[in-house]
Amino acid sequence: MKDMFKEDNSKSQIMEERESIRGKLIYYQELIYQNEKREKEEGELEI
């Protein structure tokens, strides 16, 4: 019985880690997109 619970805990922990990594990835992709968008707008203003 203990082994089953142990396995479930590790699986849920791995899923939580994946979700947090996915959240960070989406956050950084959005940050990069915003920076590129701003750089393009600044570039257009200089020209």
N, C-alpha and C. Protein backbone atom coordinates (compact mmCIF):
# COMPACT_ATOMS: atom_id res chain seq x y z
N MET A 1 0.83 -1.21 0.00
CA MET A 1 0.00 0.00 0.00
C MET A 1 0.86 1.26 0.00
N LYS A 2 1.90 1.28 0.81
CA LYS A 2 2.74 2.47 0.91
C LYS A 2 3.38 2.80 -0.44
N ASP A 3 3.81 1.78 -1.15
CA ASP A 3 4.46 2.01 -2.45
C ASP A 3 3.52 2.72 -3.42
N MET A 4 2.25 2.34 -3.39
CA MET A 4 1.29 2.98 -4.29
C MET A 4 1.16 4.47 -3.98
N PHE A 5 1.07 4.81 -2.71
CA PHE A 5 0.95 6.22 -2.32
C PHE A 5 2.21 6.98 -2.69
N LYS A 6 3.34 6.35 -2.49
CA LYS A 6 4.62 6.98 -2.81
C LYS A 6 4.67 7.30 -4.30
N GLU A 7 4.26 6.35 -5.12
CA GLU A 7 4.27 6.55 -6.58
C GLU A 7 3.34 7.69 -6.98
N ASP A 8 2.15 7.74 -6.39
CA ASP A 8 1.19 8.80 -6.69
C ASP A 8 1.76 10.16 -6.32
N ASN A 9 2.42 10.24 -5.16
CA ASN A 9 3.00 11.51 -4.73
C ASN A 9 4.06 11.98 -5.71
N SER A 10 4.93 11.08 -6.14
CA SER A 10 5.99 11.49 -7.06
C SER A 10 5.40 11.90 -8.41
N LYS A 11 4.37 11.21 -8.86
CA LYS A 11 3.73 11.58 -10.14
C LYS A 11 3.11 12.96 -10.06
N SER A 12 2.39 13.23 -8.96
CA SER A 12 1.75 14.54 -8.83
C SER A 12 2.81 15.62 -8.68
N GLN A 13 3.91 15.31 -8.01
CA GLN A 13 4.99 16.29 -7.85
C GLN A 13 5.62 16.60 -9.20
N ILE A 14 5.84 15.58 -10.01
CA ILE A 14 6.39 15.79 -11.35
C ILE A 14 5.44 16.64 -12.19
N MET A 15 4.15 16.36 -12.10
CA MET A 15 3.16 17.14 -12.85
C MET A 15 3.18 18.60 -12.40
N GLU A 16 3.29 18.83 -11.09
CA GLU A 16 3.35 20.20 -10.58
C GLU A 16 4.58 20.91 -11.09
N GLU A 17 5.72 20.21 -11.11
CA GLU A 17 6.96 20.81 -11.62
C GLU A 17 6.80 21.15 -13.09
N ARG A 18 6.20 20.26 -13.86
CA ARG A 18 5.98 20.53 -15.28
C ARG A 18 5.10 21.75 -15.47
N GLU A 19 4.04 21.86 -14.67
CA GLU A 19 3.12 23.00 -14.78
C GLU A 19 3.84 24.30 -14.45
N SER A 20 4.68 24.29 -13.41
CA SER A 20 5.39 25.51 -13.04
C SER A 20 6.40 25.88 -14.12
N ILE A 21 7.05 24.89 -14.70
CA ILE A 21 8.01 25.16 -15.78
C ILE A 21 7.26 25.71 -16.99
N ARG A 22 6.11 25.12 -17.31
CA ARG A 22 5.31 25.60 -18.44
C ARG A 22 4.86 27.04 -18.19
N GLY A 23 4.46 27.34 -16.97
CA GLY A 23 4.05 28.70 -16.61
C GLY A 23 5.19 29.69 -16.79
N LYS A 24 6.39 29.31 -16.36
CA LYS A 24 7.55 30.18 -16.53
C LYS A 24 7.85 30.38 -18.00
N LEU A 25 7.77 29.32 -18.78
CA LEU A 25 8.05 29.40 -20.21
C LEU A 25 7.09 30.36 -20.89
N ILE A 26 5.81 30.24 -20.61
CA ILE A 26 4.81 31.13 -21.19
C ILE A 26 5.09 32.57 -20.76
N TYR A 27 5.44 32.76 -19.49
CA TYR A 27 5.73 34.10 -18.97
C TYR A 27 6.91 34.72 -19.73
N TYR A 28 8.00 33.95 -19.90
CA TYR A 28 9.17 34.50 -20.58
C TYR A 28 8.91 34.73 -22.06
N GLN A 29 8.14 33.84 -22.69
CA GLN A 29 7.80 34.05 -24.10
C GLN A 29 7.02 35.34 -24.26
N GLU A 30 6.10 35.61 -23.36
CA GLU A 30 5.31 36.84 -23.39
C GLU A 30 6.21 38.05 -23.17
N LEU A 31 7.15 37.93 -22.24
CA LEU A 31 8.10 39.02 -21.95
C LEU A 31 8.94 39.33 -23.18
N ILE A 32 9.45 38.29 -23.84
CA ILE A 32 10.26 38.47 -25.05
C ILE A 32 9.42 39.12 -26.15
N TYR A 33 8.19 38.67 -26.32
CA TYR A 33 7.30 39.23 -27.33
C TYR A 33 7.08 40.72 -27.08
N GLN A 34 6.82 41.08 -25.82
CA GLN A 34 6.60 42.49 -25.48
C GLN A 34 7.85 43.31 -25.77
N ASN A 35 9.03 42.79 -25.43
CA ASN A 35 10.28 43.51 -25.68
C ASN A 35 10.50 43.72 -27.17
N GLU A 36 10.28 42.67 -27.98
CA GLU A 36 10.46 42.79 -29.43
C GLU A 36 9.49 43.80 -30.01
N LYS A 37 8.26 43.77 -29.53
CA LYS A 37 7.24 44.70 -30.01
C LYS A 37 7.65 46.14 -29.69
N ARG A 38 8.14 46.35 -28.47
CA ARG A 38 8.56 47.69 -28.06
C ARG A 38 9.77 48.16 -28.88
N GLU A 39 10.73 47.25 -29.12
CA GLU A 39 11.91 47.61 -29.91
C GLU A 39 11.52 47.99 -31.33
N LYS A 40 10.58 47.28 -31.91
CA LYS A 40 10.11 47.61 -33.27
C LYS A 40 9.48 49.00 -33.28
N GLU A 41 8.66 49.28 -32.27
CA GLU A 41 8.00 50.59 -32.19
C GLU A 41 9.03 51.70 -32.01
N GLU A 42 10.05 51.47 -31.17
CA GLU A 42 11.10 52.47 -30.96
C GLU A 42 11.90 52.67 -32.24
N GLY A 43 12.15 51.57 -32.96
CA GLY A 43 12.89 51.65 -34.22
C GLY A 43 12.13 52.47 -35.25
N GLU A 44 10.82 52.30 -35.30
CA GLU A 44 10.00 53.06 -36.24
C GLU A 44 9.98 54.54 -35.88
N LEU A 45 10.04 54.86 -34.59
CA LEU A 45 10.04 56.25 -34.16
C LEU A 45 11.35 56.94 -34.55
N GLU A 46 12.47 56.21 -34.47
CA GLU A 46 13.77 56.79 -34.82
C GLU A 46 13.85 57.11 -36.30
N ILE A 47 13.26 56.28 -37.12
CA ILE A 47 13.29 56.49 -38.58
C ILE A 47 12.31 57.57 -38.94
